[in-house]
């Protein structure tokens, strides 16, 4: 009587589950990275401009609210504290970009006062935040 032997199967690595796992990890890290973006300004109703930039690299954000509040990177400050705080940041990095987020209903004179204070502090780079104007 002869006993038949089974032929041993060669072990092999299935590539499809590995690709699925790697793709899942890639998507997870992409979404996690997007959620880690730093937003320093407070939400205000920005005016619209046709030449607005979609993404601006924010370093220092000054927010002027409709109620008259002044915020330095989400921290409320008085106008007298603006210059010393900005000068301290400019000593660390002289190329700081100062972005002014002013609500649409803030008086023009108030925005000009803040811009003047920023320039007097020695900032060479300044921008005013706007939303992209929709085409009609």
N, C-alpha and C. Protein backbone atom coordinates (compact mmCIF):
# COMPACT_ATOMS: atom_id res chain seq x y z
N UNK A 1 0.82 -1.15 0.00
CA UNK A 1 0.00 0.00 0.00
C UNK A 1 0.89 1.25 0.00
N UNK A 2 0.53 2.07 -0.87
CA UNK A 2 1.31 3.29 -1.03
C UNK A 2 0.54 4.48 -0.44
N UNK A 3 1.23 5.27 0.38
CA UNK A 3 0.61 6.45 0.99
C UNK A 3 0.97 7.65 0.13
N UNK A 4 -0.07 8.37 -0.25
CA UNK A 4 0.20 9.54 -1.10
C UNK A 4 0.57 10.72 -0.23
N UNK A 5 1.54 11.40 -0.69
CA UNK A 5 1.99 12.59 0.03
C UNK A 5 1.37 13.83 -0.59
N UNK A 6 1.03 14.75 0.29
CA UNK A 6 0.54 16.02 -0.22
C UNK A 6 1.73 16.89 -0.59
N UNK A 7 1.53 17.60 -1.65
CA UNK A 7 2.59 18.52 -2.05
C UNK A 7 2.46 19.78 -1.21
N UNK A 8 3.51 20.15 -0.53
CA UNK A 8 3.48 21.33 0.33
C UNK A 8 3.37 22.60 -0.52
N UNK A 9 2.41 23.44 -0.12
CA UNK A 9 2.26 24.70 -0.85
C UNK A 9 3.34 25.65 -0.40
N UNK A 10 3.81 26.43 -1.35
CA UNK A 10 4.81 27.44 -1.01
C UNK A 10 4.11 28.63 -0.38
N UNK A 11 4.72 29.15 0.65
CA UNK A 11 4.16 30.32 1.32
C UNK A 11 4.34 31.53 0.42
N UNK A 12 3.31 32.35 0.37
CA UNK A 12 3.42 33.55 -0.43
C UNK A 12 2.73 34.70 0.30
N UNK A 13 3.23 35.87 0.01
CA UNK A 13 2.69 37.08 0.65
C UNK A 13 1.65 37.67 -0.29
N UNK A 14 0.47 37.86 0.25
CA UNK A 14 -0.60 38.47 -0.54
C UNK A 14 -0.37 39.98 -0.55
N UNK A 15 -0.27 40.57 -1.72
CA UNK A 15 0.07 41.98 -1.85
C UNK A 15 -1.15 42.90 -1.75
N UNK A 16 -2.34 42.43 -2.11
CA UNK A 16 -3.53 43.29 -2.10
C UNK A 16 -3.85 43.79 -0.69
N UNK A 17 -3.88 42.97 0.35
CA UNK A 17 -4.14 43.51 1.69
C UNK A 17 -3.06 44.49 2.16
N UNK A 18 -1.83 44.26 1.73
CA UNK A 18 -0.75 45.18 2.11
C UNK A 18 -0.98 46.54 1.45
N UNK A 19 -1.37 46.55 0.20
CA UNK A 19 -1.63 47.81 -0.51
C UNK A 19 -2.81 48.53 0.13
N UNK A 20 -3.86 47.79 0.49
CA UNK A 20 -5.01 48.40 1.15
C UNK A 20 -4.61 49.06 2.46
N UNK A 21 -3.80 48.38 3.23
CA UNK A 21 -3.36 48.92 4.52
C UNK A 21 -2.50 50.16 4.34
N UNK A 22 -1.59 50.14 3.40
CA UNK A 22 -0.72 51.30 3.15
C UNK A 22 -1.56 52.48 2.66
N UNK A 23 -2.53 52.22 1.78
CA UNK A 23 -3.39 53.29 1.29
C UNK A 23 -4.20 53.90 2.43
N UNK A 24 -4.72 53.07 3.31
CA UNK A 24 -5.48 53.56 4.46
C UNK A 24 -4.60 54.44 5.35
N UNK A 25 -3.37 54.02 5.61
CA UNK A 25 -2.46 54.82 6.43
C UNK A 25 -2.13 56.15 5.76
N UNK A 26 -1.94 56.13 4.46
CA UNK A 26 -1.64 57.35 3.72
C UNK A 26 -2.79 58.35 3.85
N UNK A 27 -4.00 57.89 3.63
CA UNK A 27 -5.17 58.77 3.74
C UNK A 27 -5.32 59.28 5.17
N UNK A 28 -5.12 58.42 6.14
CA UNK A 28 -5.23 58.83 7.54
C UNK A 28 -4.24 59.95 7.86
N UNK A 29 -2.99 59.81 7.46
CA UNK A 29 -1.99 60.82 7.77
C UNK A 29 -2.23 62.11 6.98
N UNK A 30 -2.76 62.01 5.78
CA UNK A 30 -3.09 63.22 5.03
C UNK A 30 -4.18 64.02 5.73
N UNK A 31 -5.22 63.35 6.18
CA UNK A 31 -6.32 64.03 6.87
C UNK A 31 -5.86 64.56 8.22
N UNK A 32 -5.04 63.80 8.91
CA UNK A 32 -4.54 64.25 10.21
C UNK A 32 -3.66 65.49 10.05
N UNK A 33 -2.86 65.55 9.01
CA UNK A 33 -2.00 66.70 8.77
C UNK A 33 -2.84 67.93 8.44
N UNK A 34 -3.89 67.77 7.67
CA UNK A 34 -4.73 68.91 7.33
C UNK A 34 -5.44 69.47 8.55
N UNK A 35 -5.77 68.63 9.50
CA UNK A 35 -6.47 69.11 10.69
C UNK A 35 -5.52 69.80 11.66
N UNK A 36 -4.23 69.71 11.44
CA UNK A 36 -3.26 70.33 12.33
C UNK A 36 -2.84 71.73 11.90
N UNK A 37 -3.44 72.28 10.85
CA UNK A 37 -3.06 73.61 10.41
C UNK A 37 -3.41 74.62 11.49
N UNK A 38 -2.54 75.59 11.65
CA UNK A 38 -2.69 76.56 12.73
C UNK A 38 -3.44 77.78 12.21
N UNK A 39 -4.57 78.07 12.84
CA UNK A 39 -5.38 79.23 12.49
C UNK A 39 -5.28 80.20 13.64
N UNK A 40 -4.62 81.36 13.41
CA UNK A 40 -4.37 82.26 14.52
C UNK A 40 -5.38 83.38 14.65
N UNK A 41 -6.12 83.70 13.62
CA UNK A 41 -7.06 84.81 13.67
C UNK A 41 -8.42 84.38 14.15
N UNK A 42 -9.19 85.34 14.62
CA UNK A 42 -10.56 85.09 15.03
C UNK A 42 -11.47 85.20 13.81
N UNK A 43 -12.59 84.50 13.79
CA UNK A 43 -13.48 84.60 12.64
C UNK A 43 -14.22 85.95 12.63
N UNK A 44 -14.03 86.71 11.56
CA UNK A 44 -14.75 87.96 11.36
C UNK A 44 -15.28 87.99 9.94
N UNK A 45 -16.19 88.89 9.65
CA UNK A 45 -16.75 89.02 8.31
C UNK A 45 -15.79 89.87 7.48
N UNK A 46 -14.93 89.21 6.68
CA UNK A 46 -13.91 89.91 5.90
C UNK A 46 -14.51 90.56 4.66
N UNK A 47 -13.97 91.71 4.26
CA UNK A 47 -14.41 92.29 2.99
C UNK A 47 -13.91 91.45 1.83
N UNK A 48 -14.50 91.65 0.66
CA UNK A 48 -14.14 90.85 -0.51
C UNK A 48 -13.30 91.67 -1.46
N UNK A 49 -12.35 91.00 -2.14
CA UNK A 49 -11.49 91.65 -3.13
C UNK A 49 -11.21 90.67 -4.25
N UNK A 50 -11.15 91.16 -5.46
CA UNK A 50 -10.91 90.31 -6.62
C UNK A 50 -9.50 89.74 -6.63
N UNK A 51 -8.56 90.42 -5.99
CA UNK A 51 -7.16 89.98 -6.00
C UNK A 51 -6.75 89.28 -4.71
N UNK A 52 -7.71 88.81 -3.95
CA UNK A 52 -7.41 88.15 -2.67
C UNK A 52 -6.65 86.86 -2.91
N UNK A 53 -5.76 86.54 -1.98
CA UNK A 53 -5.02 85.29 -2.05
C UNK A 53 -5.76 84.24 -1.25
N UNK A 54 -5.74 83.01 -1.76
CA UNK A 54 -6.44 81.93 -1.07
C UNK A 54 -5.71 81.52 0.20
N UNK A 55 -4.40 81.40 0.14
CA UNK A 55 -3.64 80.99 1.31
C UNK A 55 -2.55 82.00 1.57
N UNK A 56 -2.50 82.46 2.79
CA UNK A 56 -1.45 83.37 3.21
C UNK A 56 -0.76 82.73 4.40
N UNK A 57 0.54 82.72 4.38
CA UNK A 57 1.29 82.16 5.50
C UNK A 57 1.25 83.16 6.65
N UNK A 58 0.55 82.81 7.71
CA UNK A 58 0.34 83.74 8.80
C UNK A 58 1.46 83.64 9.83
N UNK A 59 1.96 84.78 10.23
CA UNK A 59 2.92 84.83 11.31
C UNK A 59 2.33 85.55 12.51
N UNK A 60 1.79 86.76 12.30
CA UNK A 60 1.13 87.53 13.34
C UNK A 60 -0.19 87.99 12.76
N UNK A 61 -1.27 87.75 13.48
CA UNK A 61 -2.59 88.16 13.01
C UNK A 61 -3.18 89.17 13.98
N UNK A 62 -3.51 90.34 13.46
CA UNK A 62 -4.20 91.36 14.25
C UNK A 62 -5.65 91.36 13.79
N UNK A 63 -6.57 91.21 14.72
CA UNK A 63 -7.99 91.15 14.39
C UNK A 63 -8.71 92.33 15.01
N UNK A 64 -9.44 93.06 14.17
CA UNK A 64 -10.27 94.17 14.63
C UNK A 64 -11.72 93.72 14.49
N UNK A 65 -12.42 93.62 15.60
CA UNK A 65 -13.80 93.15 15.56
C UNK A 65 -14.76 94.31 15.40
N UNK A 66 -15.98 93.97 15.05
CA UNK A 66 -17.03 94.96 14.85
C UNK A 66 -17.31 95.73 16.15
N UNK A 67 -17.14 95.07 17.28
CA UNK A 67 -17.39 95.70 18.58
C UNK A 67 -16.26 96.62 19.01
N UNK A 68 -15.15 96.65 18.27
CA UNK A 68 -14.03 97.53 18.60
C UNK A 68 -12.88 96.84 19.30
N UNK A 69 -12.93 95.53 19.44
CA UNK A 69 -11.86 94.79 20.11
C UNK A 69 -10.64 94.62 19.21
N UNK A 70 -9.47 94.55 19.82
CA UNK A 70 -8.22 94.33 19.11
C UNK A 70 -7.61 93.04 19.67
N UNK A 71 -7.31 92.09 18.77
CA UNK A 71 -6.76 90.79 19.17
C UNK A 71 -5.43 90.57 18.48
N UNK A 72 -4.48 90.08 19.24
CA UNK A 72 -3.14 89.74 18.75
C UNK A 72 -3.04 88.22 18.80
N UNK A 73 -3.17 87.56 17.66
CA UNK A 73 -3.18 86.09 17.60
C UNK A 73 -4.19 85.49 18.59
N UNK A 74 -5.44 85.90 18.51
CA UNK A 74 -6.56 85.43 19.33
C UNK A 74 -6.51 85.87 20.78
N UNK A 75 -5.53 86.70 21.15
CA UNK A 75 -5.44 87.17 22.53
C UNK A 75 -5.80 88.66 22.53
N UNK A 76 -6.82 89.01 23.32
CA UNK A 76 -7.26 90.41 23.33
C UNK A 76 -6.21 91.28 24.01
N UNK A 77 -5.88 92.39 23.35
CA UNK A 77 -4.91 93.33 23.90
C UNK A 77 -5.48 94.74 23.78
N UNK A 78 -4.89 95.67 24.50
CA UNK A 78 -5.27 97.08 24.36
C UNK A 78 -4.38 97.70 23.28
N UNK A 79 -4.79 98.80 22.69
CA UNK A 79 -3.96 99.43 21.65
C UNK A 79 -2.56 99.81 22.16
N UNK A 80 -2.44 100.13 23.44
CA UNK A 80 -1.12 100.50 23.97
C UNK A 80 -0.19 99.29 24.08
N UNK A 81 -0.72 98.08 24.11
CA UNK A 81 0.11 96.87 24.20
C UNK A 81 0.57 96.38 22.83
N UNK A 82 -0.02 96.91 21.76
CA UNK A 82 0.28 96.42 20.41
C UNK A 82 1.74 96.63 20.04
N UNK A 83 2.24 97.84 20.20
CA UNK A 83 3.60 98.16 19.77
C UNK A 83 4.66 97.34 20.51
N UNK A 84 4.62 97.27 21.86
CA UNK A 84 5.64 96.46 22.55
C UNK A 84 5.60 94.97 22.16
N UNK A 85 4.38 94.43 22.02
CA UNK A 85 4.24 93.02 21.66
C UNK A 85 4.81 92.77 20.26
N UNK A 86 4.50 93.66 19.33
CA UNK A 86 4.98 93.50 17.96
C UNK A 86 6.49 93.69 17.88
N UNK A 87 7.03 94.64 18.62
CA UNK A 87 8.48 94.85 18.62
C UNK A 87 9.20 93.62 19.16
N UNK A 88 8.63 92.97 20.17
CA UNK A 88 9.24 91.75 20.72
C UNK A 88 9.27 90.65 19.67
N UNK A 89 8.17 90.50 18.92
CA UNK A 89 8.14 89.49 17.86
C UNK A 89 9.09 89.84 16.72
N UNK A 90 9.23 91.12 16.41
CA UNK A 90 10.14 91.55 15.34
C UNK A 90 11.60 91.34 15.72
N UNK A 91 11.92 91.39 17.00
CA UNK A 91 13.29 91.12 17.42
C UNK A 91 13.65 89.66 17.19
N UNK A 92 12.68 88.76 17.40
CA UNK A 92 12.91 87.34 17.17
C UNK A 92 13.00 87.04 15.68
N UNK A 93 12.13 87.64 14.89
CA UNK A 93 12.10 87.39 13.45
C UNK A 93 11.77 88.70 12.74
N UNK A 94 12.76 89.39 12.15
CA UNK A 94 12.50 90.68 11.50
C UNK A 94 11.62 90.58 10.25
N UNK A 95 11.43 89.39 9.71
CA UNK A 95 10.61 89.23 8.50
C UNK A 95 9.20 88.74 8.82
N UNK A 96 8.70 89.07 10.00
CA UNK A 96 7.36 88.67 10.40
C UNK A 96 6.34 89.33 9.46
N UNK A 97 5.39 88.55 9.01
CA UNK A 97 4.29 89.07 8.21
C UNK A 97 3.13 89.37 9.15
N UNK A 98 2.68 90.62 9.14
CA UNK A 98 1.56 91.04 9.98
C UNK A 98 0.31 91.08 9.10
N UNK A 99 -0.69 90.30 9.48
CA UNK A 99 -1.94 90.24 8.72
C UNK A 99 -3.03 90.90 9.55
N UNK A 100 -3.72 91.83 8.94
CA UNK A 100 -4.79 92.55 9.63
C UNK A 100 -6.12 91.99 9.17
N UNK A 101 -6.86 91.41 10.10
CA UNK A 101 -8.22 90.91 9.87
C UNK A 101 -9.16 91.95 10.45
N UNK A 102 -9.77 92.76 9.59
CA UNK A 102 -10.70 93.77 10.06
C UNK A 102 -12.09 93.45 9.54
N UNK A 103 -13.06 93.44 10.44
CA UNK A 103 -14.44 93.22 10.04
C UNK A 103 -14.87 94.29 9.04
N UNK A 104 -15.78 93.95 8.17
CA UNK A 104 -16.26 94.88 7.15
C UNK A 104 -16.83 96.16 7.76
N UNK A 105 -17.43 96.06 8.94
CA UNK A 105 -18.07 97.21 9.56
C UNK A 105 -17.15 98.04 10.45
N UNK A 106 -15.85 97.69 10.53
CA UNK A 106 -14.91 98.49 11.31
C UNK A 106 -14.61 99.77 10.54
N UNK A 107 -14.55 100.89 11.25
CA UNK A 107 -14.28 102.18 10.61
C UNK A 107 -12.88 102.18 9.98
N UNK A 108 -12.82 102.82 8.82
CA UNK A 108 -11.56 102.89 8.07
C UNK A 108 -10.45 103.55 8.91
N UNK A 109 -10.82 104.58 9.66
CA UNK A 109 -9.83 105.27 10.48
C UNK A 109 -9.20 104.36 11.51
N UNK A 110 -9.97 103.45 12.06
CA UNK A 110 -9.44 102.51 13.06
C UNK A 110 -8.42 101.56 12.43
N UNK A 111 -8.72 101.10 11.21
CA UNK A 111 -7.79 100.21 10.50
C UNK A 111 -6.50 100.96 10.19
N UNK A 112 -6.60 102.21 9.76
CA UNK A 112 -5.42 103.01 9.45
C UNK A 112 -4.57 103.24 10.70
N UNK A 113 -5.23 103.47 11.85
CA UNK A 113 -4.48 103.64 13.10
C UNK A 113 -3.66 102.39 13.42
N UNK A 114 -4.26 101.22 13.26
CA UNK A 114 -3.54 99.97 13.54
C UNK A 114 -2.40 99.79 12.53
N UNK A 115 -2.66 100.09 11.27
CA UNK A 115 -1.61 99.97 10.25
C UNK A 115 -0.45 100.91 10.57
N UNK A 116 -0.75 102.12 11.01
CA UNK A 116 0.28 103.09 11.37
C UNK A 116 1.11 102.59 12.55
N UNK A 117 0.43 101.99 13.51
CA UNK A 117 1.13 101.45 14.69
C UNK A 117 2.05 100.29 14.29
N UNK A 118 1.58 99.47 13.36
CA UNK A 118 2.39 98.34 12.89
C UNK A 118 3.65 98.86 12.18
N UNK A 119 3.48 99.85 11.31
CA UNK A 119 4.62 100.42 10.59
C UNK A 119 5.59 101.10 11.56
N UNK A 120 5.05 101.80 12.55
CA UNK A 120 5.90 102.48 13.54
C UNK A 120 6.68 101.47 14.39
N UNK A 121 6.16 100.26 14.52
CA UNK A 121 6.86 99.23 15.30
C UNK A 121 8.04 98.64 14.53
N UNK A 122 8.09 98.91 13.22
CA UNK A 122 9.21 98.44 12.42
C UNK A 122 8.91 97.26 11.53
N UNK A 123 7.65 96.88 11.41
CA UNK A 123 7.30 95.75 10.54
C UNK A 123 7.41 96.19 9.08
N UNK A 124 8.08 95.38 8.28
CA UNK A 124 8.23 95.73 6.86
C UNK A 124 7.24 94.98 5.98
N UNK A 125 6.62 93.93 6.51
CA UNK A 125 5.67 93.13 5.73
C UNK A 125 4.32 93.16 6.41
N UNK A 126 3.30 93.64 5.66
CA UNK A 126 1.96 93.76 6.20
C UNK A 126 0.96 93.42 5.11
N UNK A 127 -0.15 92.79 5.50
CA UNK A 127 -1.20 92.45 4.54
C UNK A 127 -2.55 92.63 5.21
N UNK A 128 -3.56 92.87 4.39
CA UNK A 128 -4.93 92.98 4.90
C UNK A 128 -5.69 91.77 4.37
N UNK A 129 -6.28 91.00 5.26
CA UNK A 129 -7.00 89.77 4.89
C UNK A 129 -8.32 90.12 4.23
N UNK A 130 -8.61 89.40 3.14
CA UNK A 130 -9.87 89.56 2.43
C UNK A 130 -10.35 88.20 1.99
N UNK A 131 -11.61 88.13 1.55
CA UNK A 131 -12.15 86.92 0.94
C UNK A 131 -12.15 87.12 -0.57
N UNK A 132 -12.11 86.03 -1.29
CA UNK A 132 -12.16 86.10 -2.74
C UNK A 132 -13.56 86.49 -3.18
N UNK A 133 -13.64 87.51 -4.04
CA UNK A 133 -14.94 88.00 -4.52
C UNK A 133 -15.49 87.04 -5.55
N UNK A 134 -16.76 86.69 -5.40
CA UNK A 134 -17.39 85.79 -6.36
C UNK A 134 -17.67 86.54 -7.65
N UNK A 135 -17.44 85.88 -8.77
CA UNK A 135 -17.73 86.46 -10.07
C UNK A 135 -19.23 86.44 -10.30
N UNK A 136 -19.77 87.47 -10.90
CA UNK A 136 -21.21 87.52 -11.17
C UNK A 136 -21.45 87.40 -12.64
